[in-house]
Amino acid sequence: MGIMLTEAAETGSGVGMTMVSVVYIVVIFAFFYFFMIRPQKKEQKKMTAMLSTLEIGDCILTSSGFYGIVIDITDDTVIVEFGNNKNCRIPMQKSAIVQVEKPEADAK
């Protein structure tokens, strides 16, 4: 009879250990979602919104650290003018743009 009681206790603890394992897995997935996946999606939406408002004449900052003025915009590329030289116009992908600054309203 003592053998049957220990077997029943062992099978009960096996179910409990399985539930604990499932809870740990759910907690780990929730951690990854809230601290890695969700912020990345928010940043991606913010970047898409910024690039959709891009206009000719905007001052931009590229991922390499150069400031320039947007001269022309196509579907996935922009032509950017760097410096005061007016001859330095370089086509680049929109994904290389990190920051957009609109022209100030003081010029009106």
Protein backbone atom coordinates (compact mmCIF):
# COMPACT_ATOMS: atom_id res chain seq x y z
CA MET A 1 0.00 0.00 0.00
CA GLY A 2 2.92 2.33 0.68
CA ILE A 3 4.20 1.72 -2.85
CA MET A 4 0.89 2.84 -4.33
CA LEU A 5 0.94 6.09 -2.36
CA THR A 6 4.43 7.01 -3.52
CA GLU A 7 3.50 6.24 -7.14
CA ALA A 8 0.42 8.47 -6.86
CA ALA A 9 2.53 11.27 -5.37
CA GLU A 10 5.10 10.95 -8.15
CA THR A 11 2.49 11.18 -10.91
CA GLY A 12 0.92 14.22 -9.23
CA SER A 13 4.26 16.00 -9.02
CA GLY A 14 4.93 15.23 -12.70
CA VAL A 15 1.79 17.13 -13.68
CA GLY A 16 2.80 20.00 -11.39
CA MET A 17 6.27 20.16 -12.91
CA THR A 18 4.73 20.24 -16.39
CA MET A 19 2.52 23.18 -15.40
CA VAL A 20 5.51 25.03 -13.95
CA SER A 21 7.45 24.45 -17.17
CA VAL A 22 4.55 25.78 -19.25
CA VAL A 23 4.31 28.87 -17.04
CA TYR A 24 8.06 29.51 -17.41
CA ILE A 25 7.82 29.23 -21.20
CA VAL A 26 4.87 31.66 -21.29
CA VAL A 27 6.75 34.13 -19.09
CA ILE A 28 9.85 33.92 -21.30
CA PHE A 29 7.80 34.53 -24.47
CA ALA A 30 6.00 37.46 -22.80
CA PHE A 31 9.38 38.93 -21.81
CA PHE A 32 10.70 38.66 -25.35
CA TYR A 33 7.53 40.20 -26.76
CA PHE A 34 7.34 43.20 -24.43
CA PHE A 35 11.06 43.97 -24.27
CA MET A 36 12.30 43.07 -27.76
CA ILE A 37 9.61 42.62 -30.40
CA ARG A 38 7.10 45.33 -29.41
CA PRO A 39 9.62 48.22 -29.13
CA GLN A 40 11.16 47.25 -32.46
CA LYS A 41 7.75 47.35 -34.16
CA LYS A 42 7.03 50.76 -32.61
CA GLU A 43 10.36 52.08 -33.89
CA GLN A 44 9.64 50.66 -37.34
CA LYS A 45 6.23 52.40 -37.46
CA LYS A 46 7.84 55.66 -36.35
CA MET A 47 10.49 55.37 -39.10
CA THR A 48 7.87 54.60 -41.75
CA ALA A 49 5.79 57.60 -40.68
CA MET A 50 8.87 59.84 -40.78
CA LEU A 51 9.83 58.71 -44.30
CA SER A 52 6.26 59.10 -45.57
CA THR A 53 6.30 62.80 -44.62
CA LEU A 54 9.63 63.40 -46.38
CA GLU A 55 9.45 66.32 -48.81
CA ILE A 56 11.80 68.18 -51.13
CA GLY A 57 13.74 70.81 -49.21
CA ASP A 58 13.83 68.90 -45.91
CA CYS A 59 17.11 68.72 -44.02
CA ILE A 60 18.05 65.12 -43.25
CA LEU A 61 20.64 63.23 -41.23
CA THR A 62 21.97 60.05 -42.82
CA SER A 63 23.01 56.90 -41.00
CA SER A 64 26.65 57.77 -41.74
CA GLY A 65 26.28 61.14 -39.98
CA PHE A 66 26.06 63.53 -42.93
CA TYR A 67 23.54 66.37 -43.05
CA GLY A 68 21.99 67.24 -46.38
CA ILE A 69 19.02 68.73 -48.20
CA VAL A 70 16.58 66.57 -50.18
CA ILE A 71 16.58 67.55 -53.87
CA ASP A 72 14.46 64.78 -55.45
CA ILE A 73 12.39 61.84 -54.19
CA THR A 74 11.51 58.59 -55.97
CA ASP A 75 9.93 55.39 -54.62
CA ASP A 76 12.85 54.05 -52.61
CA THR A 77 15.65 56.54 -53.28
CA VAL A 78 16.29 60.23 -52.66
CA ILE A 79 18.85 62.60 -54.11
CA VAL A 80 20.56 64.56 -51.35
CA GLU A 81 22.68 67.68 -51.70
CA PHE A 82 25.53 67.90 -49.19
CA GLY A 83 27.29 71.09 -48.12
CA ASN A 84 27.28 74.51 -49.71
CA ASN A 85 28.91 73.32 -52.93
CA LYS A 86 25.63 72.60 -54.83
CA ASN A 87 27.62 70.13 -56.97
CA CYS A 88 27.67 67.36 -54.41
CA ARG A 89 24.41 65.54 -55.10
CA ILE A 90 24.28 61.89 -54.13
CA PRO A 91 21.43 59.40 -54.64
CA MET A 92 20.79 57.23 -51.59
CA GLN A 93 18.19 54.83 -50.25
CA LYS A 94 15.45 56.12 -48.00
CA SER A 95 16.42 53.53 -45.41
CA ALA A 96 19.71 55.41 -44.86
CA ILE A 97 17.81 58.42 -43.48
CA VAL A 98 17.81 58.56 -39.70
CA GLN A 99 16.31 61.96 -38.96
CA VAL A 100 14.24 64.53 -40.85
CA GLU A 101 14.09 68.22 -39.96
CA LYS A 102 11.46 70.35 -41.66
CA PRO A 103 12.43 73.86 -42.82
CA GLU A 104 11.64 76.40 -40.15
CA ALA A 105 8.50 78.52 -40.38
CA ASP A 106 10.57 81.67 -39.72
CA ALA A 107 11.50 81.83 -43.42
CA LYS A 108 7.95 82.96 -44.27
